[in-house]
Amino acid sequence: MGKVTRGGSRSGDAKNKKFRRRKVKKCQLCVKKMDFVDYKEVNFLKEYISDKGKILPKRINGNCAKHQRFIKDAIKRARQMALVPFTRD
């Protein structure tokens, strides 16, 4: 009788690949114990905006949900006050 393997033809491939765990980033605002993000701090807000002018998602910048909402609101207020551009050319 033949050898029975589980998982079909891919089982050999799965054994050879190493499992890489994604590095978990810490929320920098929690580390600094910031309770409020001011929309007038333009240099601080530019760290959380991409080169096209989009707000970076929390999986990229490592913020917690609470601080990501603070940053989102501050960026949107700064855009309305014309401190931060909507798009970059």
PDB file of N, CA and C in Angstrom:
ATOM      1  N   MET A   1       0.830  -1.177   0.000  1.00  0.00           N
ATOM      2  CA  MET A   1       0.000   0.000   0.000  1.00  0.00           C
ATOM      3  C   MET A   1       0.875   1.241   0.000  1.00  0.00           C
ATOM      4  N   GLY A   2       0.309   2.314  -0.513  1.00  0.00           N
ATOM      5  CA  GLY A   2       1.047   3.566  -0.612  1.00  0.00           C
ATOM      6  C   GLY A   2       0.979   4.378   0.675  1.00  0.00           C
ATOM      7  N   LYS A   3       1.821   5.349   0.724  1.00  0.00           N
ATOM      8  CA  LYS A   3       1.879   6.244   1.883  1.00  0.00           C
ATOM      9  C   LYS A   3       0.753   7.271   1.805  1.00  0.00           C
ATOM     10  N   VAL A   4       0.014   7.446   2.878  1.00  0.00           N
ATOM     11  CA  VAL A   4      -1.097   8.389   2.912  1.00  0.00           C
ATOM     12  C   VAL A   4      -0.610   9.678   3.562  1.00  0.00           C
ATOM     13  N   THR A   5      -0.802  10.795   2.865  1.00  0.00           N
ATOM     14  CA  THR A   5      -0.419  12.095   3.412  1.00  0.00           C
ATOM     15  C   THR A   5      -1.643  12.970   3.544  1.00  0.00           C
ATOM     16  N   ARG A   6      -1.604  13.819   4.518  1.00  0.00           N
ATOM     17  CA  ARG A   6      -2.717  14.751   4.711  1.00  0.00           C
ATOM     18  C   ARG A   6      -2.392  16.060   4.014  1.00  0.00           C
ATOM     19  N   GLY A   7      -3.411  16.728   3.572  1.00  0.00           N
ATOM     20  CA  GLY A   7      -3.231  18.053   3.011  1.00  0.00           C
ATOM     21  C   GLY A   7      -2.922  18.069   1.527  1.00  0.00           C
ATOM     22  N   GLY A   8      -2.900  16.945   0.891  1.00  0.00           N
ATOM     23  CA  GLY A   8      -2.684  16.920  -0.553  1.00  0.00           C
ATOM     24  C   GLY A   8      -1.245  17.208  -0.925  1.00  0.00           C
ATOM     25  N   SER A   9      -1.043  17.789  -2.090  1.00  0.00           N
ATOM     26  CA  SER A   9       0.304  18.026  -2.607  1.00  0.00           C
ATOM     27  C   SER A   9       0.983  19.217  -1.943  1.00  0.00           C
ATOM     28  N   ARG A  10       0.237  20.037  -1.249  1.00  0.00           N
ATOM     29  CA  ARG A  10       0.823  21.233  -0.658  1.00  0.00           C
ATOM     30  C   ARG A  10       1.450  20.966   0.704  1.00  0.00           C
ATOM     31  N   SER A  11       1.262  19.771   1.252  1.00  0.00           N
ATOM     32  CA  SER A  11       1.771  19.514   2.601  1.00  0.00           C
ATOM     33  C   SER A  11       3.298  19.573   2.649  1.00  0.00           C
ATOM     34  N   GLY A  12       3.968  19.156   1.596  1.00  0.00           N
ATOM     35  CA  GLY A  12       5.419  19.228   1.566  1.00  0.00           C
ATOM     36  C   GLY A  12       5.899  20.658   1.481  1.00  0.00           C
ATOM     37  N   ASP A  13       5.168  21.494   0.766  1.00  0.00           N
ATOM     38  CA  ASP A  13       5.541  22.897   0.643  1.00  0.00           C
ATOM     39  C   ASP A  13       5.380  23.642   1.971  1.00  0.00           C
ATOM     40  N   ALA A  14       4.344  23.290   2.705  1.00  0.00           N
ATOM     41  CA  ALA A  14       4.077  23.990   3.956  1.00  0.00           C
ATOM     42  C   ALA A  14       5.144  23.682   5.006  1.00  0.00           C
ATOM     43  N   LYS A  15       5.731  22.514   4.952  1.00  0.00           N
ATOM     44  CA  LYS A  15       6.752  22.148   5.932  1.00  0.00           C
ATOM     45  C   LYS A  15       8.037  22.938   5.704  1.00  0.00           C
ATOM     46  N   ASN A  16       8.307  23.294   4.464  1.00  0.00           N
ATOM     47  CA  ASN A  16       9.548  23.982   4.144  1.00  0.00           C
ATOM     48  C   ASN A  16       9.494  25.483   4.423  1.00  0.00           C
ATOM     49  N   LYS A  17       8.316  26.050   4.502  1.00  0.00           N
ATOM     50  CA  LYS A  17       8.186  27.490   4.722  1.00  0.00           C
ATOM     51  C   LYS A  17       8.193  27.790   6.216  1.00  0.00           C
ATOM     52  N   LYS A  18       8.886  28.850   6.573  1.00  0.00           N
ATOM     53  CA  LYS A  18       8.885  29.280   7.962  1.00  0.00           C
ATOM     54  C   LYS A  18       7.723  30.226   8.193  1.00  0.00           C
ATOM     55  N   PHE A  19       7.150  30.125   9.367  1.00  0.00           N
ATOM     56  CA  PHE A  19       6.053  31.015   9.737  1.00  0.00           C
ATOM     57  C   PHE A  19       6.647  32.286  10.318  1.00  0.00           C
ATOM     58  N   ARG A  20       6.325  33.417   9.711  1.00  0.00           N
ATOM     59  CA  ARG A  20       6.811  34.700  10.206  1.00  0.00           C
ATOM     60  C   ARG A  20       5.694  35.436  10.918  1.00  0.00           C
ATOM     61  N   ARG A  21       5.957  35.800  12.138  1.00  0.00           N
ATOM     62  CA  ARG A  21       4.981  36.551  12.902  1.00  0.00           C
ATOM     63  C   ARG A  21       5.179  38.032  12.627  1.00  0.00           C
ATOM     64  N   ARG A  22       4.066  38.735  12.423  1.00  0.00           N
ATOM     65  CA  ARG A  22       4.130  40.168  12.157  1.00  0.00           C
ATOM     66  C   ARG A  22       4.507  40.906  13.420  1.00  0.00           C
ATOM     67  N   LYS A  23       5.427  41.850  13.294  1.00  0.00           N
ATOM     68  CA  LYS A  23       5.870  42.618  14.450  1.00  0.00           C
ATOM     69  C   LYS A  23       4.769  43.590  14.865  1.00  0.00           C
ATOM     70  N   VAL A  24       4.382  43.526  16.112  1.00  0.00           N
ATOM     71  CA  VAL A  24       3.322  44.378  16.624  1.00  0.00           C
ATOM     72  C   VAL A  24       3.930  45.698  17.044  1.00  0.00           C
ATOM     73  N   LYS A  25       3.372  46.773  16.523  1.00  0.00           N
ATOM     74  CA  LYS A  25       3.866  48.107  16.850  1.00  0.00           C
ATOM     75  C   LYS A  25       3.107  48.645  18.054  1.00  0.00           C
ATOM     76  N   LYS A  26       3.783  49.412  18.850  1.00  0.00           N
ATOM     77  CA  LYS A  26       3.157  50.045  20.007  1.00  0.00           C
ATOM     78  C   LYS A  26       2.590  51.398  19.588  1.00  0.00           C
ATOM     79  N   CYS A  27       1.505  51.770  20.195  1.00  0.00           N
ATOM     80  CA  CYS A  27       0.917  53.082  19.954  1.00  0.00           C
ATOM     81  C   CYS A  27       1.812  54.137  20.595  1.00  0.00           C
ATOM     82  N   GLN A  28       2.371  55.009  19.784  1.00  0.00           N
ATOM     83  CA  GLN A  28       3.286  56.027  20.296  1.00  0.00           C
ATOM     84  C   GLN A  28       2.562  57.054  21.165  1.00  0.00           C
ATOM     85  N   LEU A  29       1.286  57.262  20.923  1.00  0.00           N
ATOM     86  CA  LEU A  29       0.529  58.215  21.734  1.00  0.00           C
ATOM     87  C   LEU A  29       0.224  57.636  23.115  1.00  0.00           C
ATOM     88  N   CYS A  30       0.050  56.316  23.202  1.00  0.00           N
ATOM     89  CA  CYS A  30      -0.129  55.682  24.511  1.00  0.00           C
ATOM     90  C   CYS A  30       1.175  55.724  25.297  1.00  0.00           C
ATOM     91  N   VAL A  31       2.297  55.540  24.600  1.00  0.00           N
ATOM     92  CA  VAL A  31       3.598  55.579  25.265  1.00  0.00           C
ATOM     93  C   VAL A  31       3.862  56.976  25.824  1.00  0.00           C
ATOM     94  N   LYS A  32       3.514  58.016  25.047  1.00  0.00           N
ATOM     95  CA  LYS A  32       3.712  59.405  25.492  1.00  0.00           C
ATOM     96  C   LYS A  32       2.612  59.886  26.435  1.00  0.00           C
ATOM     97  N   LYS A  33       1.573  59.063  26.618  1.00  0.00           N
ATOM     98  CA  LYS A  33       0.419  59.372  27.476  1.00  0.00           C
ATOM     99  C   LYS A  33      -0.267  60.658  27.041  1.00  0.00           C
ATOM    100  N   MET A  34      -0.512  60.769  25.738  1.00  0.00           N
ATOM    101  CA  MET A  34      -1.218  61.933  25.191  1.00  0.00           C
ATOM    102  C   MET A  34      -2.721  61.669  25.248  1.00  0.00           C
ATOM    103  N   ASP A  35      -3.460  62.588  25.816  1.00  0.00           N
ATOM    104  CA  ASP A  35      -4.905  62.461  25.911  1.00  0.00           C
ATOM    105  C   ASP A  35      -5.625  63.229  24.811  1.00  0.00           C
ATOM    106  N   PHE A  36      -4.896  64.109  24.133  1.00  0.00           N
ATOM    107  CA  PHE A  36      -5.526  64.978  23.146  1.00  0.00           C
ATOM    108  C   PHE A  36      -4.534  65.241  22.023  1.00  0.00           C
ATOM    109  N   VAL A  37      -5.028  65.257  20.798  1.00  0.00           N
ATOM    110  CA  VAL A  37      -4.206  65.587  19.631  1.00  0.00           C
ATOM    111  C   VAL A  37      -4.702  66.922  19.101  1.00  0.00           C
ATOM    112  N   ASP A  38      -3.834  67.912  19.079  1.00  0.00           N
ATOM    113  CA  ASP A  38      -4.204  69.254  18.665  1.00  0.00           C
ATOM    114  C   ASP A  38      -4.073  69.389  17.149  1.00  0.00           C
ATOM    115  N   TYR A  39      -5.068  69.955  16.508  1.00  0.00           N
ATOM    116  CA  TYR A  39      -5.047  70.098  15.055  1.00  0.00           C
ATOM    117  C   TYR A  39      -4.054  71.159  14.603  1.00  0.00           C
ATOM    118  N   LYS A  40      -3.574  72.001  15.521  1.00  0.00           N
ATOM    119  CA  LYS A  40      -2.636  73.062  15.152  1.00  0.00           C
ATOM    120  C   LYS A  40      -1.189  72.586  15.099  1.00  0.00           C
ATOM    121  N   GLU A  41      -0.912  71.378  15.565  1.00  0.00           N
ATOM    122  CA  GLU A  41       0.431  70.804  15.510  1.00  0.00           C
ATOM    123  C   GLU A  41       0.638  70.131  14.154  1.00  0.00           C
ATOM    124  N   VAL A  42       0.950  70.935  13.169  1.00  0.00           N
ATOM    125  CA  VAL A  42       1.015  70.458  11.785  1.00  0.00           C
ATOM    126  C   VAL A  42       2.159  69.467  11.583  1.00  0.00           C
ATOM    127  N   ASN A  43       3.315  69.732  12.184  1.00  0.00           N
ATOM    128  CA  ASN A  43       4.454  68.834  12.009  1.00  0.00           C
ATOM    129  C   ASN A  43       4.175  67.453  12.601  1.00  0.00           C
ATOM    130  N   PHE A  44       3.460  67.408  13.698  1.00  0.00           N
ATOM    131  CA  PHE A  44       3.076  66.128  14.299  1.00  0.00           C
ATOM    132  C   PHE A  44       2.100  65.376  13.408  1.00  0.00           C
ATOM    133  N   LEU A  45       1.131  66.090  12.838  1.00  0.00           N
ATOM    134  CA  LEU A  45       0.119  65.451  12.001  1.00  0.00           C
ATOM    135  C   LEU A  45       0.689  64.944  10.679  1.00  0.00           C
ATOM    136  N   LYS A  46       1.731  65.594  10.177  1.00  0.00           N
ATOM    137  CA  LYS A  46       2.318  65.170   8.902  1.00  0.00           C
ATOM    138  C   LYS A  46       2.947  63.787   8.979  1.00  0.00           C
ATOM    139  N   GLU A  47       3.287  63.327  10.180  1.00  0.00           N
ATOM    140  CA  GLU A  47       3.816  61.976  10.349  1.00  0.00           C
ATOM    141  C   GLU A  47       2.769  60.917  10.037  1.00  0.00           C
ATOM    142  N   TYR A  48       1.503  61.271  10.159  1.00  0.00           N
ATOM    143  CA  TYR A  48       0.412  60.326   9.978  1.00  0.00           C
ATOM    144  C   TYR A  48      -0.319  60.525   8.654  1.00  0.00           C
ATOM    145  N   ILE A  49       0.290  61.261   7.737  1.00  0.00           N
ATOM    146  CA  ILE A  49      -0.282  61.494   6.412  1.00  0.00           C
ATOM    147  C   ILE A  49       0.688  60.936   5.379  1.00  0.00           C
ATOM    148  N   SER A  50       0.169  60.231   4.378  1.00  0.00           N
ATOM    149  CA  SER A  50       1.023  59.666   3.341  1.00  0.00           C
ATOM    150  C   SER A  50       1.502  60.764   2.398  1.00  0.00           C
ATOM    151  N   ASP A  51       2.364  60.389   1.465  1.00  0.00           N
ATOM    152  CA  ASP A  51       2.889  61.385   0.523  1.00  0.00           C
ATOM    153  C   ASP A  51       1.817  61.885  -0.438  1.00  0.00           C
ATOM    154  N   LYS A  52       0.732  61.149  -0.584  1.00  0.00           N
ATOM    155  CA  LYS A  52      -0.384  61.598  -1.424  1.00  0.00           C
ATOM    156  C   LYS A  52      -1.409  62.411  -0.652  1.00  0.00           C
ATOM    157  N   GLY A  53      -1.227  62.512   0.661  1.00  0.00           N
ATOM    158  CA  GLY A  53      -2.147  63.300   1.474  1.00  0.00           C
ATOM    159  C   GLY A  53      -3.210  62.479   2.167  1.00  0.00           C
ATOM    160  N   LYS A  54      -3.118  61.151   2.098  1.00  0.00           N
ATOM    161  CA  LYS A  54      -4.106  60.293   2.746  1.00  0.00           C
ATOM    162  C   LYS A  54      -3.694  60.018   4.194  1.00  0.00           C
ATOM    163  N   ILE A  55      -4.686  59.737   5.030  1.00  0.00           N
ATOM    164  CA  ILE A  55      -4.420  59.389   6.422  1.00  0.00           C
ATOM    165  C   ILE A  55      -3.960  57.940   6.464  1.00  0.00           C
ATOM    166  N   LEU A  56      -2.818  57.701   7.130  1.00  0.00           N
ATOM    167  CA  LEU A  56      -2.292  56.344   7.208  1.00  0.00           C
ATOM    168  C   LEU A  56      -3.171  55.490   8.112  1.00  0.00           C
ATOM    169  N   PRO A  57      -3.435  54.237   7.732  1.00  0.00           N
ATOM    170  CA  PRO A  57      -4.256  53.372   8.580  1.00  0.00           C
ATOM    171  C   PRO A  57      -3.509  52.939   9.833  1.00  0.00           C
ATOM    172  N   LYS A  58      -4.264  52.492  10.828  1.00  0.00           N
ATOM    173  CA  LYS A  58      -3.644  52.154  12.103  1.00  0.00           C
ATOM    174  C   LYS A  58      -2.791  50.900  12.016  1.00  0.00           C
ATOM    175  N   ARG A  59      -3.016  50.030  11.040  1.00  0.00           N
ATOM    176  CA  ARG A  59      -2.162  48.848  10.901  1.00  0.00           C
ATOM    177  C   ARG A  59      -0.775  49.228  10.395  1.00  0.00           C
ATOM    178  N   ILE A  60      -0.654  50.394   9.752  1.00  0.00           N
ATOM    179  CA  ILE A  60       0.647  50.871   9.275  1.00  0.00           C
ATOM    180  C   ILE A  60       1.372  51.644  10.377  1.00  0.00           C
ATOM    181  N   ASN A  61       0.694  52.595  11.003  1.00  0.00           N
ATOM    182  CA  ASN A  61       1.385  53.441  11.973  1.00  0.00           C
ATOM    183  C   ASN A  61       1.354  52.882  13.390  1.00  0.00           C
ATOM    184  N   GLY A  62       0.570  51.839  13.662  1.00  0.00           N
ATOM    185  CA  GLY A  62       0.612  51.163  14.957  1.00  0.00           C
ATOM    186  C   GLY A  62      -0.190  51.815  16.054  1.00  0.00           C
ATOM    187  N   ASN A  63      -1.080  52.725  15.733  1.00  0.00           N
ATOM    188  CA  ASN A  63      -1.884  53.381  16.759  1.00  0.00           C
ATOM    189  C   ASN A  63      -2.993  52.470  17.247  1.00  0.00           C
ATOM    190  N   CYS A  64      -3.440  52.723  18.464  1.00  0.00           N
ATOM    191  CA  CYS A  64      -4.633  52.042  18.950  1.00  0.00           C
ATOM    192  C   CYS A  64      -5.853  52.750  18.345  1.00  0.00           C
ATOM    193  N   ALA A  65      -7.019  52.141  18.484  1.00  0.00           N
ATOM    194  CA  ALA A  65      -8.221  52.683  17.849  1.00  0.00           C
ATOM    195  C   ALA A  65      -8.594  54.052  18.407  1.00  0.00           C
ATOM    196  N   LYS A  66      -8.420  54.222  19.699  1.00  0.00           N
ATOM    197  CA  LYS A  66      -8.779  55.494  20.345  1.00  0.00           C
ATOM    198  C   LYS A  66      -7.932  56.638  19.793  1.00  0.00           C
ATOM    199  N   HIS A  67      -6.629  56.448  19.741  1.00  0.00           N
ATOM    200  CA  HIS A  67      -5.756  57.508  19.268  1.00  0.00           C
ATOM    201  C   HIS A  67      -5.840  57.690  17.748  1.00  0.00           C
ATOM    202  N   GLN A  68      -6.166  56.625  17.028  1.00  0.00           N
ATOM    203  CA  GLN A  68      -6.351  56.768  15.585  1.00  0.00           C
ATOM    204  C   GLN A  68      -7.545  57.689  15.299  1.00  0.00           C
ATOM    205  N   ARG A  69      -8.585  57.593  16.100  1.00  0.00           N
ATOM    206  CA  ARG A  69      -9.741  58.492  15.937  1.00  0.00           C
ATOM    207  C   ARG A  69      -9.351  59.927  16.246  1.00  0.00           C
ATOM    208  N   PHE A  70      -8.540  60.141  17.293  1.00  0.00           N
ATOM    209  CA  PHE A  70      -8.076  61.490  17.620  1.00  0.00           C
ATOM    210  C   PHE A  70      -7.276  62.082  16.469  1.00  0.00           C
ATOM    211  N   ILE A  71      -6.397  61.283  15.886  1.00  0.00           N
ATOM    212  CA  ILE A  71      -5.569  61.754  14.772  1.00  0.00           C
ATOM    213  C   ILE A  71      -6.434  62.048  13.554  1.00  0.00           C
ATOM    214  N   LYS A  72      -7.390  61.178  13.285  1.00  0.00           N
ATOM    215  CA  LYS A  72      -8.288  61.379  12.149  1.00  0.00           C
ATOM    216  C   LYS A  72      -9.046  62.695  12.272  1.00  0.00           C
ATOM    217  N   ASP A  73      -9.604  62.942  13.437  1.00  0.00           N
ATOM    218  CA  ASP A  73     -10.366  64.178  13.641  1.00  0.00           C
ATOM    219  C   ASP A  73      -9.466  65.407  13.558  1.00  0.00           C
ATOM    220  N   ALA A  74      -8.263  65.306  14.106  1.00  0.00           N
ATOM    221  CA  ALA A  74      -7.340  66.444  14.076  1.00  0.00           C
ATOM    222  C   ALA A  74      -6.903  66.754  12.642  1.00  0.00           C
ATOM    223  N   ILE A  75      -6.652  65.720  11.843  1.00  0.00           N
ATOM    224  CA  ILE A  75      -6.253  65.945  10.446  1.00  0.00           C
ATOM    225  C   ILE A  75      -7.394  66.578   9.664  1.00  0.00           C
ATOM    226  N   LYS A  76      -8.602  66.096   9.906  1.00  0.00           N
ATOM    227  CA  LYS A  76      -9.748  66.651   9.187  1.00  0.00           C
ATOM    228  C   LYS A  76     -10.000  68.110   9.587  1.00  0.00           C
ATOM    229  N   ARG A  77      -9.813  68.439  10.850  1.00  0.00           N
ATOM    230  CA  ARG A  77      -9.965  69.831  11.280  1.00  0.00           C
ATOM    231  C   ARG A  77      -8.873  70.707  10.678  1.00  0.00           C
ATOM    232  N   ALA A  78      -7.650  70.181  10.651  1.00  0.00           N
ATOM    233  CA  ALA A  78      -6.535  70.943  10.080  1.00  0.00           C
ATOM    234  C   ALA A  78      -6.738  71.166   8.587  1.00  0.00           C
ATOM    235  N   ARG A  79      -7.349  70.216   7.904  1.00  0.00           N
ATOM    236  CA  ARG A  79      -7.646  70.404   6.478  1.00  0.00           C
ATOM    237  C   ARG A  79      -8.678  71.503   6.281  1.00  0.00           C
ATOM    238  N   GLN A  80      -9.698  71.531   7.133  1.00  0.00           N
ATOM    239  CA  GLN A  80     -10.723  72.566   7.016  1.00  0.00           C
ATOM    240  C   GLN A  80     -10.173  73.953   7.311  1.00  0.00           C
ATOM    241  N   MET A  81      -9.196  74.031   8.200  1.00  0.00           N
ATOM    242  CA  MET A  81      -8.578  75.313   8.545  1.00  0.00           C
ATOM    243  C   MET A  81      -7.438  75.662   7.591  1.00  0.00           C
ATOM    244  N   ALA A  82      -7.206  74.845   6.581  1.00  0.00           N
ATOM    245  CA  ALA A  82      -6.181  75.043   5.551  1.00  0.00           C
ATOM    246  C   ALA A  82      -4.763  75.004   6.131  1.00  0.00           C
ATOM    247  N   LEU A  83      -4.571  74.239   7.205  1.00  0.00           N
ATOM    248  CA  LEU A  83      -3.230  74.044   7.749  1.00  0.00           C
ATOM    249  C   LEU A  83      -2.528  72.865   7.077  1.00  0.00           C
ATOM    250  N   VAL A  84      -3.320  71.890   6.658  1.00  0.00           N
ATOM    251  CA  VAL A  84      -2.816  70.702   5.981  1.00  0.00           C
ATOM    252  C   VAL A  84      -3.573  70.579   4.665  1.00  0.00           C
ATOM    253  N   PRO A  85      -2.873  70.332   3.547  1.00  0.00           N
ATOM    254  CA  PRO A  85      -3.585  70.227   2.270  1.00  0.00           C
ATOM    255  C   PRO A  85      -4.381  68.928   2.164  1.00  0.00           C
ATOM    256  N   PHE A  86      -5.435  68.964   1.370  1.00  0.00           N
ATOM    257  CA  PHE A  86      -6.232  67.761   1.126  1.00  0.00           C
ATOM    258  C   PHE A  86      -5.447  66.753   0.306  1.00  0.00           C
ATOM    259  N   THR A  87      -4.733  67.249  -0.715  1.00  0.00           N
ATOM    260  CA  THR A  87      -3.881  66.394  -1.545  1.00  0.00           C
ATOM    261  C   THR A  87      -2.542  67.087  -1.745  1.00  0.00           C
ATOM    262  N   ARG A  88      -1.568  66.291  -2.126  1.00  0.00           N
ATOM    263  CA  ARG A  88      -0.244  66.855  -2.397  1.00  0.00           C
ATOM    264  C   ARG A  88       0.059  66.667  -3.867  1.00  0.00           C
ATOM    265  N   ASP A  89       0.653  67.679  -4.461  1.00  0.00           N
ATOM    266  CA  ASP A  89       0.964  67.608  -5.881  1.00  0.00           C
ATOM    267  C   ASP A  89       2.338  67.041  -6.118  1.00  0.00           C
TER     268      ASP A  89
END
